[in-house]
C-alpha atoms as a PDB file:
ATOM      1  CA  MET A   1      -7.153   6.247   4.732  1.00  0.00           C
ATOM      2  CA  GLY A   2      -8.981   8.963   2.377  1.00  0.00           C
ATOM      3  CA  SER A   3      -7.583  10.779  -0.539  1.00  0.00           C
ATOM      4  CA  VAL A   4      -4.057  11.863  -0.211  1.00  0.00           C
ATOM      5  CA  PRO A   5      -3.000  15.476   1.474  1.00  0.00           C
ATOM      6  CA  THR A   6      -2.295  18.125  -0.672  1.00  0.00           C
ATOM      7  CA  GLN A   7       1.701  18.590   0.579  1.00  0.00           C
ATOM      8  CA  ASP A   8       1.804  15.286   0.591  1.00  0.00           C
ATOM      9  CA  LEU A   9       1.632  14.550  -3.175  1.00  0.00           C
ATOM     10  CA  ALA A  10       5.023  13.399  -4.158  1.00  0.00           C
ATOM     11  CA  PHE A  11       4.858  14.612  -8.106  1.00  0.00           C
ATOM     12  CA  LEU A  12       2.852  15.602 -10.358  1.00  0.00           C
ATOM     13  CA  SER A  13       3.509  16.489 -13.597  1.00  0.00           C
ATOM     14  CA  SER A  14       2.794  20.158 -15.740  1.00  0.00           C
ATOM     15  CA  ALA A  15       2.174  20.111 -19.492  1.00  0.00           C
ATOM     16  CA  GLU A  16       2.707  23.812 -19.354  1.00  0.00           C
ATOM     17  CA  ARG A  17       5.389  24.154 -16.965  1.00  0.00           C
ATOM     18  CA  PRO A  18       7.502  20.669 -17.302  1.00  0.00           C
ATOM     19  CA  GLU A  19      10.421  21.332 -15.031  1.00  0.00           C
ATOM     20  CA  PRO A  20      13.879  19.482 -16.242  1.00  0.00           C
ATOM     21  CA  GLY A  21      14.425  15.463 -15.769  1.00  0.00           C
ATOM     22  CA  ARG A  22      10.090  15.545 -15.008  1.00  0.00           C
ATOM     23  CA  GLN A  23       8.269  14.235 -17.857  1.00  0.00           C
ATOM     24  CA  SER A  24       4.565  16.734 -19.120  1.00  0.00           C
ATOM     25  CA  ALA A  25       1.596  14.336 -18.046  1.00  0.00           C
ATOM     26  CA  ARG A  26      -0.126  13.026 -21.880  1.00  0.00           C
ATOM     27  CA  ALA A  27      -3.220  12.031 -22.486  1.00  0.00           C
ATOM     28  CA  ILE A  28      -3.990   8.583 -22.199  1.00  0.00           C
ATOM     29  CA  ARG A  29      -5.580   6.557 -25.848  1.00  0.00           C
ATOM     30  CA  SER A  30      -4.979   3.627 -24.915  1.00  0.00           C
ATOM     31  CA  ALA A  31      -4.696   1.616 -21.809  1.00  0.00           C
ATOM     32  CA  LEU A  32      -3.816  -2.227 -20.935  1.00  0.00           C
ATOM     33  CA  LEU A  33      -6.274  -3.490 -18.149  1.00  0.00           C
ATOM     34  CA  ILE A  34      -5.622  -6.759 -15.694  1.00  0.00           C
ATOM     35  CA  ALA A  35      -7.817  -8.357 -14.292  1.00  0.00           C
ATOM     36  CA  ASN A  36      -7.359 -11.598 -11.713  1.00  0.00           C
ATOM     37  CA  PRO A  37     -10.802 -13.872 -12.349  1.00  0.00           C
ATOM     38  CA  ALA A  38     -10.178 -15.261  -8.785  1.00  0.00           C
ATOM     39  CA  SER A  39     -11.509 -11.738  -7.555  1.00  0.00           C
ATOM     40  CA  ARG A  40     -15.142 -12.428  -6.905  1.00  0.00           C
ATOM     41  CA  LEU A  41     -15.527  -8.278  -7.059  1.00  0.00           C
ATOM     42  CA  GLY A  42     -13.195  -8.124  -9.715  1.00  0.00           C
ATOM     43  CA  ARG A  43     -15.207 -10.501 -12.034  1.00  0.00           C
ATOM     44  CA  ARG A  44     -18.767  -8.494 -11.387  1.00  0.00           C
ATOM     45  CA  ARG A  45     -16.856  -4.407 -11.792  1.00  0.00           C
ATOM     46  CA  LEU A  46     -14.902  -5.720 -14.603  1.00  0.00           C
ATOM     47  CA  PRO A  47     -17.598  -4.553 -17.223  1.00  0.00           C
ATOM     48  CA  ARG A  48     -18.077  -1.303 -15.111  1.00  0.00           C
ATOM     49  CA  ALA A  49     -14.357  -0.666 -15.372  1.00  0.00           C
ATOM     50  CA  ARG A  50     -14.114  -2.092 -19.181  1.00  0.00           C
ATOM     51  CA  GLN A  51     -17.274   0.038 -20.285  1.00  0.00           C
ATOM     52  CA  ALA A  52     -16.204   3.716 -18.224  1.00  0.00           C
ATOM     53  CA  LEU A  53     -12.147   3.826 -20.303  1.00  0.00           C
ATOM     54  CA  GLU A  54     -14.535   3.035 -23.939  1.00  0.00           C
ATOM     55  CA  GLU A  55     -17.086   5.692 -22.610  1.00  0.00           C
ATOM     56  CA  ALA A  56     -13.409   7.824 -22.070  1.00  0.00           C
ATOM     57  CA  SER A  57     -12.665   7.237 -25.558  1.00  0.00           C
ATOM     58  CA  VAL A  58      -9.358   5.366 -24.077  1.00  0.00           C
ATOM     59  CA  ARG A  59      -9.089   2.069 -26.368  1.00  0.00           C
ATOM     60  CA  CYS A  60      -9.130  -0.679 -23.793  1.00  0.00           C
ATOM     61  CA  GLU A  61      -7.838  -4.657 -24.236  1.00  0.00           C
ATOM     62  CA  VAL A  62      -8.881  -7.287 -21.144  1.00  0.00           C
ATOM     63  CA  ALA A  63      -5.958  -9.443 -19.948  1.00  0.00           C
ATOM     64  CA  PHE A  64      -6.261 -11.872 -17.201  1.00  0.00           C
ATOM     65  CA  THR A  65      -4.079 -13.725 -14.721  1.00  0.00           C
ATOM     66  CA  GLU A  66      -4.005 -17.130 -14.532  1.00  0.00           C
ATOM     67  CA  ARG A  67      -1.890 -17.585 -11.429  1.00  0.00           C
ATOM     68  CA  PRO A  68       0.570 -15.969  -8.757  1.00  0.00           C
ATOM     69  CA  GLY A  69       3.055 -13.844 -10.319  1.00  0.00           C
ATOM     70  CA  HIS A  70       1.309 -14.156 -13.618  1.00  0.00           C
ATOM     71  CA  ALA A  71       0.398 -10.091 -13.155  1.00  0.00           C
ATOM     72  CA  GLY A  72       3.605  -8.657 -12.447  1.00  0.00           C
ATOM     73  CA  GLU A  73       4.702 -10.781 -15.745  1.00  0.00           C
ATOM     74  CA  ILE A  74       1.557  -9.844 -18.238  1.00  0.00           C
ATOM     75  CA  ALA A  75       3.037  -6.192 -16.966  1.00  0.00           C
ATOM     76  CA  LEU A  76       6.221  -6.626 -18.322  1.00  0.00           C
ATOM     77  CA  ALA A  77       5.524  -8.089 -21.716  1.00  0.00           C
ATOM     78  CA  ARG A  78       3.077  -6.145 -22.729  1.00  0.00           C
ATOM     79  CA  ALA A  79       2.739  -2.386 -20.789  1.00  0.00           C
ATOM     80  CA  ALA A  80       5.458  -1.195 -23.505  1.00  0.00           C
ATOM     81  CA  GLY A  81       2.642  -0.689 -25.474  1.00  0.00           C
ATOM     82  CA  TYR A  82      -0.096   1.511 -24.086  1.00  0.00           C
ATOM     83  CA  ASP A  83      -0.239   4.987 -22.532  1.00  0.00           C
ATOM     84  CA  ALA A  84      -1.191   3.192 -19.617  1.00  0.00           C
ATOM     85  CA  VAL A  85      -1.514   0.056 -17.089  1.00  0.00           C
ATOM     86  CA  PHE A  86      -4.981  -0.323 -15.103  1.00  0.00           C
ATOM     87  CA  ILE A  87      -4.988  -3.610 -12.686  1.00  0.00           C
ATOM     88  CA  LEU A  88      -8.679  -4.946 -11.500  1.00  0.00           C
ATOM     89  CA  GLY A  89      -7.802  -6.601  -8.600  1.00  0.00           C
ATOM     90  CA  GLY A  90      -6.987  -7.149  -4.953  1.00  0.00           C
ATOM     91  CA  ASP A  91      -3.699  -5.580  -3.789  1.00  0.00           C
ATOM     92  CA  GLY A  92      -1.318  -8.186  -3.723  1.00  0.00           C
ATOM     93  CA  THR A  93      -2.944  -8.319  -8.288  1.00  0.00           C
ATOM     94  CA  ALA A  94      -1.579  -4.264  -8.367  1.00  0.00           C
ATOM     95  CA  MET A  95       1.319  -5.385  -6.322  1.00  0.00           C
ATOM     96  CA  GLU A  96       2.970  -7.445  -8.619  1.00  0.00           C
ATOM     97  CA  VAL A  97       2.456  -5.334 -11.740  1.00  0.00           C
ATOM     98  CA  ALA A  98       3.317  -2.214  -9.887  1.00  0.00           C
ATOM     99  CA  GLY A  99       6.604  -3.856  -9.073  1.00  0.00           C
ATOM    100  CA  ALA A 100       6.959  -5.029 -12.492  1.00  0.00           C
ATOM    101  CA  LEU A 101       6.412  -1.325 -14.179  1.00  0.00           C
ATOM    102  CA  ALA A 102       8.342   0.366 -10.766  1.00  0.00           C
ATOM    103  CA  GLY A 103      10.833   2.571 -12.321  1.00  0.00           C
ATOM    104  CA  THR A 104       9.538   3.568 -15.778  1.00  0.00           C
ATOM    105  CA  THR A 105       7.578   6.028 -17.233  1.00  0.00           C
ATOM    106  CA  ARG A 106       4.502   3.778 -17.319  1.00  0.00           C
ATOM    107  CA  PRO A 107       1.608   4.887 -15.629  1.00  0.00           C
ATOM    108  CA  LEU A 108      -0.782   2.456 -13.174  1.00  0.00           C
ATOM    109  CA  GLY A 109      -4.810   3.276 -12.381  1.00  0.00           C
ATOM    110  CA  VAL A 110      -5.337   0.948  -9.696  1.00  0.00           C
ATOM    111  CA  LEU A 111      -9.139  -0.018  -9.389  1.00  0.00           C
ATOM    112  CA  ALA A 112     -10.281  -1.612  -6.354  1.00  0.00           C
ATOM    113  CA  GLY A 113     -11.060  -5.673  -7.059  1.00  0.00           C
ATOM    114  CA  GLY A 114     -10.492  -7.413  -3.687  1.00  0.00           C
ATOM    115  CA  THR A 115     -11.754  -6.783  -0.125  1.00  0.00           C
ATOM    116  CA  GLY A 116      -9.309  -4.631   1.733  1.00  0.00           C
ATOM    117  CA  ASN A 117      -8.296  -2.144  -1.387  1.00  0.00           C
ATOM    118  CA  LEU A 118      -5.288  -0.408   0.942  1.00  0.00           C
ATOM    119  CA  LEU A 119      -3.017   0.579  -2.168  1.00  0.00           C
ATOM    120  CA  ALA A 120      -6.291   2.311  -3.938  1.00  0.00           C
ATOM    121  CA  ARG A 121      -8.328   3.302  -0.014  1.00  0.00           C
ATOM    122  CA  ALA A 122      -5.427   5.100   0.753  1.00  0.00           C
ATOM    123  CA  LEU A 123      -4.580   6.804  -2.673  1.00  0.00           C
ATOM    124  CA  GLY A 124      -8.169   8.109  -2.224  1.00  0.00           C
ATOM    125  CA  ILE A 125      -9.723   5.817  -5.452  1.00  0.00           C
ATOM    126  CA  PRO A 126     -13.196   5.478  -5.632  1.00  0.00           C
ATOM    127  CA  LEU A 127     -14.538   1.648  -5.385  1.00  0.00           C
ATOM    128  CA  ASP A 128     -17.124   1.878  -7.548  1.00  0.00           C
ATOM    129  CA  PRO A 129     -14.416   1.468 -11.664  1.00  0.00           C
ATOM    130  CA  ARG A 130     -17.291   3.954 -12.927  1.00  0.00           C
ATOM    131  CA  ARG A 131     -16.566   6.568 -10.942  1.00  0.00           C
ATOM    132  CA  ALA A 132     -12.456   5.775 -10.336  1.00  0.00           C
ATOM    133  CA  VAL A 133     -11.640   5.719 -14.024  1.00  0.00           C
ATOM    134  CA  PRO A 134     -12.437   9.329 -15.113  1.00  0.00           C
ATOM    135  CA  MET A 135     -11.547  10.406 -11.642  1.00  0.00           C
ATOM    136  CA  LEU A 136      -8.055   9.058 -12.585  1.00  0.00           C
ATOM    137  CA  LEU A 137      -7.793  10.359 -16.726  1.00  0.00           C
ATOM    138  CA  ASP A 138      -8.735  13.489 -15.002  1.00  0.00           C
ATOM    139  CA  GLY A 139      -6.846  12.961 -12.302  1.00  0.00           C
ATOM    140  CA  ASP A 140      -3.305  13.934 -11.336  1.00  0.00           C
ATOM    141  CA  GLU A 141       0.604  11.454 -11.138  1.00  0.00           C
ATOM    142  CA  LEU A 142       2.435  10.436  -8.254  1.00  0.00           C
ATOM    143  CA  HIS A 143       5.207   9.026  -7.388  1.00  0.00           C
ATOM    144  CA  ILE A 144       6.140   7.167  -4.583  1.00  0.00           C
ATOM    145  CA  ASP A 145       8.394   4.955  -2.929  1.00  0.00           C
ATOM    146  CA  LEU A 146       7.627   1.110  -2.547  1.00  0.00           C
ATOM    147  CA  GLY A 147       8.772  -1.061  -0.236  1.00  0.00           C
ATOM    148  CA  ARG A 148      11.129  -3.906  -1.771  1.00  0.00           C
ATOM    149  CA  ILE A 149      11.271  -7.668  -0.153  1.00  0.00           C
ATOM    150  CA  VAL A 150      14.871  -9.242  -0.165  1.00  0.00           C
ATOM    151  CA  GLY A 151      14.837 -12.854  -1.003  1.00  0.00           C
ATOM    152  CA  THR A 152      11.818 -13.450  -2.501  1.00  0.00           C
ATOM    153  CA  ASP A 153      11.185 -15.096  -5.837  1.00  0.00           C
ATOM    154  CA  PRO A 154       9.877 -13.030  -7.364  1.00  0.00           C
ATOM    155  CA  VAL A 155      10.658 -10.036  -5.792  1.00  0.00           C
ATOM    156  CA  ARG A 156       7.913  -8.563  -3.699  1.00  0.00           C
ATOM    157  CA  HIS A 157       7.366  -4.690  -3.517  1.00  0.00           C
ATOM    158  CA  PHE A 158       4.217  -3.466  -1.618  1.00  0.00           C
ATOM    159  CA  ALA A 159       3.357   0.093  -1.427  1.00  0.00           C
ATOM    160  CA  VAL A 160       1.032   0.759   2.042  1.00  0.00           C
ATOM    161  CA  ALA A 161       2.844  -1.235   4.848  1.00  0.00           C
ATOM    162  CA  ALA A 162       4.268  -4.733   5.742  1.00  0.00           C
ATOM    163  CA  GLY A 163       4.953  -6.245   9.116  1.00  0.00           C
ATOM    164  CA  VAL A 164       4.646  -8.950  11.557  1.00  0.00           C
ATOM    165  CA  GLY A 165       2.394 -10.272  14.638  1.00  0.00           C
ATOM    166  CA  ILE A 166      -1.067  -8.374  15.291  1.00  0.00           C
ATOM    167  CA  ASP A 167      -1.095  -7.315  11.734  1.00  0.00           C
ATOM    168  CA  SER A 168      -0.158 -10.637  10.060  1.00  0.00           C
ATOM    169  CA  VAL A 169      -1.943 -12.240  12.144  1.00  0.00           C
ATOM    170  CA  MET A 170      -4.831 -10.164  11.255  1.00  0.00           C
ATOM    171  CA  VAL A 171      -4.879 -11.238   6.932  1.00  0.00           C
ATOM    172  CA  ALA A 172      -4.482 -15.118   8.430  1.00  0.00           C
ATOM    173  CA  GLU A 173      -6.824 -15.126  10.450  1.00  0.00           C
ATOM    174  CA  THR A 174      -9.956 -13.229   8.660  1.00  0.00           C
ATOM    175  CA  PRO A 175     -12.458 -15.965   7.022  1.00  0.00           C
ATOM    176  CA  SER A 176     -13.163 -14.858   3.772  1.00  0.00           C
ATOM    177  CA  TRP A 177     -17.373 -14.937   4.822  1.00  0.00           C
ATOM    178  CA  LEU A 178     -16.770 -12.786   7.319  1.00  0.00           C
ATOM    179  CA  LYS A 179     -14.751 -10.995   4.673  1.00  0.00           C
ATOM    180  CA  ARG A 180     -17.596 -11.095   1.903  1.00  0.00           C
ATOM    181  CA  ARG A 181     -19.441  -9.627   4.416  1.00  0.00           C
ATOM    182  CA  LEU A 182     -18.396  -7.191   6.382  1.00  0.00           C
ATOM    183  CA  GLY A 183     -16.021  -6.364   3.514  1.00  0.00           C
ATOM    184  CA  VAL A 184     -12.576  -4.016   5.930  1.00  0.00           C
ATOM    185  CA  LEU A 185     -14.800  -4.006   9.218  1.00  0.00           C
ATOM    186  CA  ALA A 186     -14.084  -7.589   8.929  1.00  0.00           C
ATOM    187  CA  TYR A 187      -9.973  -7.140   9.298  1.00  0.00           C
ATOM    188  CA  THR A 188     -10.444  -4.766  12.045  1.00  0.00           C
ATOM    189  CA  ILE A 189     -12.869  -6.900  13.805  1.00  0.00           C
ATOM    190  CA  THR A 190      -9.614  -9.435  14.033  1.00  0.00           C
ATOM    191  CA  ALA A 191      -7.319  -7.288  14.121  1.00  0.00           C
ATOM    192  CA  THR A 192      -8.844  -6.164  18.200  1.00  0.00           C
ATOM    193  CA  ARG A 193      -9.481  -9.819  18.160  1.00  0.00           C
ATOM    194  CA  ALA A 194      -5.714 -10.849  18.031  1.00  0.00           C
ATOM    195  CA  ALA A 195      -4.598  -7.046  19.569  1.00  0.00           C
ATOM    196  CA  LEU A 196      -6.364  -8.061  22.814  1.00  0.00           C
ATOM    197  CA  ARG A 197      -4.925 -11.911  22.402  1.00  0.00           C
ATOM    198  CA  ALA A 198      -2.221 -11.097  22.537  1.00  0.00           C
ATOM    199  CA  VAL A 199      -1.837  -8.548  25.292  1.00  0.00           C
ATOM    200  CA  LEU A 200      -3.697 -11.148  28.006  1.00  0.00           C
ATOM    201  CA  ARG A 201      -2.048 -14.299  27.235  1.00  0.00           C
ATOM    202  CA  ARG A 202       1.046 -12.446  26.413  1.00  0.00           C
ATOM    203  CA  GLU A 203       2.006 -13.595  23.666  1.00  0.00           C
ATOM    204  CA  PHE A 204       4.610 -11.382  22.245  1.00  0.00           C
ATOM    205  CA  PHE A 205       7.839 -12.367  20.964  1.00  0.00           C
ATOM    206  CA  HIS A 206      11.711 -10.744  20.856  1.00  0.00           C
ATOM    207  CA  VAL A 207      12.702  -8.750  18.074  1.00  0.00           C
ATOM    208  CA  ARG A 208      16.040  -7.622  16.654  1.00  0.00           C
ATOM    209  CA  LEU A 209      15.061  -4.352  14.904  1.00  0.00           C
ATOM    210  CA  THR A 210      17.794  -3.078  12.398  1.00  0.00           C
ATOM    211  CA  VAL A 211      17.743  -0.055  10.401  1.00  0.00           C
ATOM    212  CA  ASP A 212      20.370   1.133   9.028  1.00  0.00           C
ATOM    213  CA  GLY A 213      22.913  -0.871  10.632  1.00  0.00           C
ATOM    214  CA  GLU A 214      21.654   0.482  13.955  1.00  0.00           C
ATOM    215  CA  VAL A 215      20.032  -2.575  15.975  1.00  0.00           C
ATOM    216  CA  PHE A 216      16.856  -2.550  18.149  1.00  0.00           C
ATOM    217  CA  GLU A 217      15.777  -5.245  20.489  1.00  0.00           C
ATOM    218  CA  ALA A 218      12.691  -5.065  22.654  1.00  0.00           C
ATOM    219  CA  ALA A 219       9.629  -7.572  23.401  1.00  0.00           C
ATOM    220  CA  ALA A 220       6.910  -6.710  20.988  1.00  0.00           C
ATOM    221  CA  ALA A 221       3.201  -7.211  19.835  1.00  0.00           C
ATOM    222  CA  ALA A 222       3.831  -5.500  16.393  1.00  0.00           C
ATOM    223  CA  VAL A 223       6.174  -4.375  13.986  1.00  0.00           C
ATOM    224  CA  MET A 224       5.248  -3.002  11.227  1.00  0.00           C
ATOM    225  CA  ILE A 225       7.461  -1.479   7.702  1.00  0.00           C
ATOM    226  CA  ALA A 226       5.531   1.841   7.128  1.00  0.00           C
ATOM    227  CA  ASN A 227       5.016   3.911   3.780  1.00  0.00           C
ATOM    228  CA  PHE A 228       1.962   5.247   4.714  1.00  0.00           C
ATOM    229  CA  GLY A 229       1.307   6.535   7.869  1.00  0.00           C
ATOM    230  CA  ALA A 230      -2.555   5.222   7.896  1.00  0.00           C
ATOM    231  CA  VAL A 231      -4.785   2.645   6.328  1.00  0.00           C
ATOM    232  CA  LEU A 232      -8.182   0.959   6.454  1.00  0.00           C
ATOM    233  CA  SER A 233      -9.888   4.348   5.855  1.00  0.00           C
ATOM    234  CA  ASP A 234      -7.378   5.717   8.470  1.00  0.00           C
ATOM    235  CA  ARG A 235      -8.960   2.981  11.690  1.00  0.00           C
ATOM    236  CA  ILE A 236      -5.205   2.187  12.237  1.00  0.00           C
ATOM    237  CA  THR A 237      -2.341   5.026  12.489  1.00  0.00           C
ATOM    238  CA  PHE A 238       1.096   3.567  12.708  1.00  0.00           C
ATOM    239  CA  GLY A 239       3.465   6.084  14.238  1.00  0.00           C
ATOM    240  CA  PRO A 240       4.331  10.324  12.620  1.00  0.00           C
ATOM    241  CA  GLY A 241       5.522  12.053   9.828  1.00  0.00           C
ATOM    242  CA  ILE A 242       5.581   8.568   7.716  1.00  0.00           C
ATOM    243  CA  ARG A 243       5.457  10.261   4.202  1.00  0.00           C
ATOM    244  CA  PHE A 244       5.449   7.744   1.029  1.00  0.00           C
ATOM    245  CA  ASP A 245       7.953  10.053  -0.943  1.00  0.00           C
ATOM    246  CA  ASP A 246      10.765  10.273   1.691  1.00  0.00           C
ATOM    247  CA  GLY A 247      13.112   7.894  -0.085  1.00  0.00           C
ATOM    248  CA  VAL A 248      13.288   5.712   3.500  1.00  0.00           C
ATOM    249  CA  LEU A 249      11.122   2.926   5.660  1.00  0.00           C
ATOM    250  CA  ASP A 250       9.496   3.400   8.427  1.00  0.00           C
ATOM    251  CA  ALA A 251       9.664   0.870  11.635  1.00  0.00           C
ATOM    252  CA  CYS A 252       7.425   1.158  14.087  1.00  0.00           C
ATOM    253  CA  LEU A 253       7.770  -1.214  16.989  1.00  0.00           C
ATOM    254  CA  TYR A 254       4.906  -1.667  19.600  1.00  0.00           C
ATOM    255  CA  SER A 255       6.217  -3.422  22.766  1.00  0.00           C
ATOM    256  CA  PRO A 256       2.754  -3.657  25.646  1.00  0.00           C
ATOM    257  CA  ARG A 257       3.981  -4.702  29.197  1.00  0.00           C
ATOM    258  CA  ASN A 258       0.091  -5.156  30.642  1.00  0.00           C
ATOM    259  CA  LEU A 259      -3.117  -4.228  29.229  1.00  0.00           C
ATOM    260  CA  ARG A 260      -2.300  -0.929  30.833  1.00  0.00           C
ATOM    261  CA  ASP A 261       0.588  -0.145  28.247  1.00  0.00           C
ATOM    262  CA  ALA A 262      -1.618  -1.672  25.254  1.00  0.00           C
ATOM    263  CA  THR A 263      -4.449   0.149  25.870  1.00  0.00           C
ATOM    264  CA  ARG A 264      -2.589   3.183  26.278  1.00  0.00           C
ATOM    265  CA  ILE A 265      -0.483   2.362  23.259  1.00  0.00           C
ATOM    266  CA  MET A 266      -4.684   1.741  20.998  1.00  0.00           C
ATOM    267  CA  TRP A 267      -5.469   5.239  22.089  1.00  0.00           C
ATOM    268  CA  ARG A 268      -2.644   6.727  21.062  1.00  0.00           C
ATOM    269  CA  LEU A 269      -2.496   6.001  17.285  1.00  0.00           C
ATOM    270  CA  LEU A 270      -5.717   6.755  17.398  1.00  0.00           C
ATOM    271  CA  ARG A 271      -5.917  10.374  18.475  1.00  0.00           C
ATOM    272  CA  ARG A 272      -1.888  10.000  17.032  1.00  0.00           C
ATOM    273  CA  ASP A 273      -0.357  11.907  20.005  1.00  0.00           C
ATOM    274  CA  PHE A 274       2.959  10.414  18.643  1.00  0.00           C
ATOM    275  CA  ARG A 275       5.554  11.462  21.789  1.00  0.00           C
ATOM    276  CA  SER A 276       7.827   9.596  23.369  1.00  0.00           C
ATOM    277  CA  ASP A 277       6.900   6.322  24.949  1.00  0.00           C
ATOM    278  CA  ALA A 278       8.665   3.092  26.266  1.00  0.00           C
ATOM    279  CA  ALA A 279       6.133   1.573  24.637  1.00  0.00           C
ATOM    280  CA  MET A 280       6.811   2.492  20.968  1.00  0.00           C
ATOM    281  CA  LEU A 281       9.782   3.264  18.622  1.00  0.00           C
ATOM    282  CA  TYR A 282      10.093   4.498  15.359  1.00  0.00           C
ATOM    283  CA  ARG A 283      13.345   4.855  13.336  1.00  0.00           C
ATOM    284  CA  SER A 284      13.214   5.608   9.694  1.00  0.00           C
ATOM    285  CA  GLY A 285      15.903   4.206   7.372  1.00  0.00           C
ATOM    286  CA  ARG A 286      16.464   2.506   3.793  1.00  0.00           C
ATOM    287  CA  HIS A 287      17.147  -0.741   5.199  1.00  0.00           C
ATOM    288  CA  ILE A 288      15.620  -2.407   7.363  1.00  0.00           C
ATOM    289  CA  ARG A 289      15.591  -5.536   8.954  1.00  0.00           C
ATOM    290  CA  VAL A 290      13.506  -8.158  11.502  1.00  0.00           C
ATOM    291  CA  GLU A 291      14.295 -11.336  12.615  1.00  0.00           C
ATOM    292  CA  THR A 292      12.146 -12.790  15.596  1.00  0.00           C
ATOM    293  CA  GLN A 293      12.411 -15.194  17.874  1.00  0.00           C
ATOM    294  CA  PRO A 294      10.086 -17.328  17.524  1.00  0.00           C
ATOM    295  CA  SER A 295      10.008 -17.454  13.977  1.00  0.00           C
ATOM    296  CA  ARG A 296       7.273 -15.461  12.778  1.00  0.00           C
ATOM    297  CA  LEU A 297       4.336 -14.849   9.985  1.00  0.00           C
ATOM    298  CA  ALA A 298       5.140 -11.937   8.150  1.00  0.00           C
ATOM    299  CA  GLN A 299       2.387  -9.859   5.479  1.00  0.00           C
ATOM    300  CA  ALA A 300       2.656  -7.309   3.288  1.00  0.00           C
ATOM    301  CA  ASP A 301      -0.186  -4.803   2.168  1.00  0.00           C
ATOM    302  CA  GLY A 302      -2.124  -8.049   3.312  1.00  0.00           C
ATOM    303  CA  GLU A 303      -0.608 -10.505   1.600  1.00  0.00           C
ATOM    304  CA  LEU A 304       0.902 -13.032   3.663  1.00  0.00           C
ATOM    305  CA  LEU A 305       4.928 -13.669   2.693  1.00  0.00           C
ATOM    306  CA  GLY A 306       6.015 -16.960   5.331  1.00  0.00           C
ATOM    307  CA  MET A 307       7.998 -16.594   8.590  1.00  0.00           C
ATOM    308  CA  THR A 308      10.763 -14.129   9.316  1.00  0.00           C
ATOM    309  CA  PRO A 309      13.119 -13.103   8.861  1.00  0.00           C
ATOM    310  CA  LEU A 310      11.793 -10.443   7.129  1.00  0.00           C
ATOM    311  CA  GLU A 311      14.876  -7.687   4.861  1.00  0.00           C
ATOM    312  CA  ILE A 312      13.576  -5.380   3.862  1.00  0.00           C
ATOM    313  CA  GLU A 313      14.997  -2.216   1.466  1.00  0.00           C
ATOM    314  CA  VAL A 314      13.188   0.798  -0.239  1.00  0.00           C
ATOM    315  CA  ALA A 315      12.897   1.891  -3.643  1.00  0.00           C
ATOM    316  CA  PRO A 316      12.209   5.169  -4.425  1.00  0.00           C
ATOM    317  CA  ARG A 317       9.443   6.876  -5.595  1.00  0.00           C
ATOM    318  CA  ALA A 318       9.703   3.424  -7.917  1.00  0.00           C
ATOM    319  CA  ALA A 319       5.510   3.889  -8.590  1.00  0.00           C
ATOM    320  CA  ARG A 320       4.246   5.694 -10.381  1.00  0.00           C
ATOM    321  CA  LEU A 321       0.133   6.215  -9.677  1.00  0.00           C
ATOM    322  CA  LEU A 322      -2.782   7.842 -11.296  1.00  0.00           C
ATOM    323  CA  VAL A 323      -5.227   9.117  -8.434  1.00  0.00           C
ATOM    324  CA  PRO A 324      -7.854  11.806  -8.393  1.00  0.00           C
ATOM    325  CA  ARG A 325      -7.276  15.320  -9.105  1.00  0.00           C
ATOM    326  CA  GLN A 326      -6.459  16.818  -5.768  1.00  0.00           C
ATOM    327  CA  PRO A 327      -7.044  20.312  -3.983  1.00  0.00           C
ATOM    328  CA  LYS A 328      -4.000  23.031  -5.902  1.00  0.00           C
ATOM    329  CA  ARG A 329      -2.698  24.519  -2.569  1.00  0.00           C
ATOM    330  CA  GLU A 330      -0.287  27.722  -3.559  1.00  0.00           C
ATOM    331  CA  SER A 331       1.585  27.430  -0.561  1.00  0.00           C
ATOM    332  CA  SER A 332       2.881  23.722  -1.285  1.00  0.00           C
ATOM    333  CA  PRO A 333       6.211  23.822  -3.401  1.00  0.00           C
ATOM    334  CA  LEU A 334       5.254  19.779  -4.020  1.00  0.00           C
ATOM    335  CA  VAL A 335       2.485  20.708  -6.148  1.00  0.00           C
ATOM    336  CA  ARG A 336       1.835  21.259  -9.759  1.00  0.00           C
ATOM    337  CA  GLU A 337      -1.385  21.497 -11.300  1.00  0.00           C
ATOM    338  CA  ARG A 338      -1.405  18.356 -14.032  1.00  0.00           C
ATOM    339  CA  THR A 339      -3.686  19.889 -17.403  1.00  0.00           C
END
């Protein structure tokens, strides 16, 4: 996606006119920078990120992750001592920290250090930390919902989308060498190949989808549980009216029967045409369960989760994120200028 549309901003603090129950934006003078040394791009961009923070007169302490889950542990243990937390790594590392800070007042700045960088792209954050850091420090604060995956240990969260089917195959089958050479385009190529294979070979699976107690069953090629409406710089869209700040998640079920159905679905998604269609189902809810027969691999924000069933609940406006300053639109009651 590009930058967050102004009318979709969920929470922008105003230092001059704070509203009841909302904190004014505060100056950031100290930051904890959590970096994943296993990320090749992250290692290369770390000196730039640290320099950008120091040039902005922000006292910066760097903490390196050592294993999966460690980023969340670091955030829980040390975030209270800083004005903000920055994360330099992939989407999985970013979501560890977002989950650890969920419900707190500590803002999170996401710096791209992975291959997909879904969250940074969705928020309009430049990939180069030398550009991103000043824009985040002088930007706005945003509250977004998170998806919380029930039953995992440790608890897993996602910001953009979780899914089963074509998207999880894309994550699993995109080779590292192709990601290094092509970046985001590598995912697009693998997703297209997975979609064609699913339809031409009829590699569908039976889905039982439960949304706030309402049950739907179908043969499907993909099921997405979305918090944002599109990914990969708007190359892939999910469904209508999907907002990241409305207190619900959106289940999108795609069930083509043949190549004609699949072509129509892809054309409609590219054109954002979400009129009623027998091969597409959309439902919003706070608690969503995905069961498949046979079991299928699931993913969340580009990180593999394991096999279905997948049970998800929404954590409303749980993450407080730093985002680039958005153009002010007088007609939007949701937007308030940060000063």
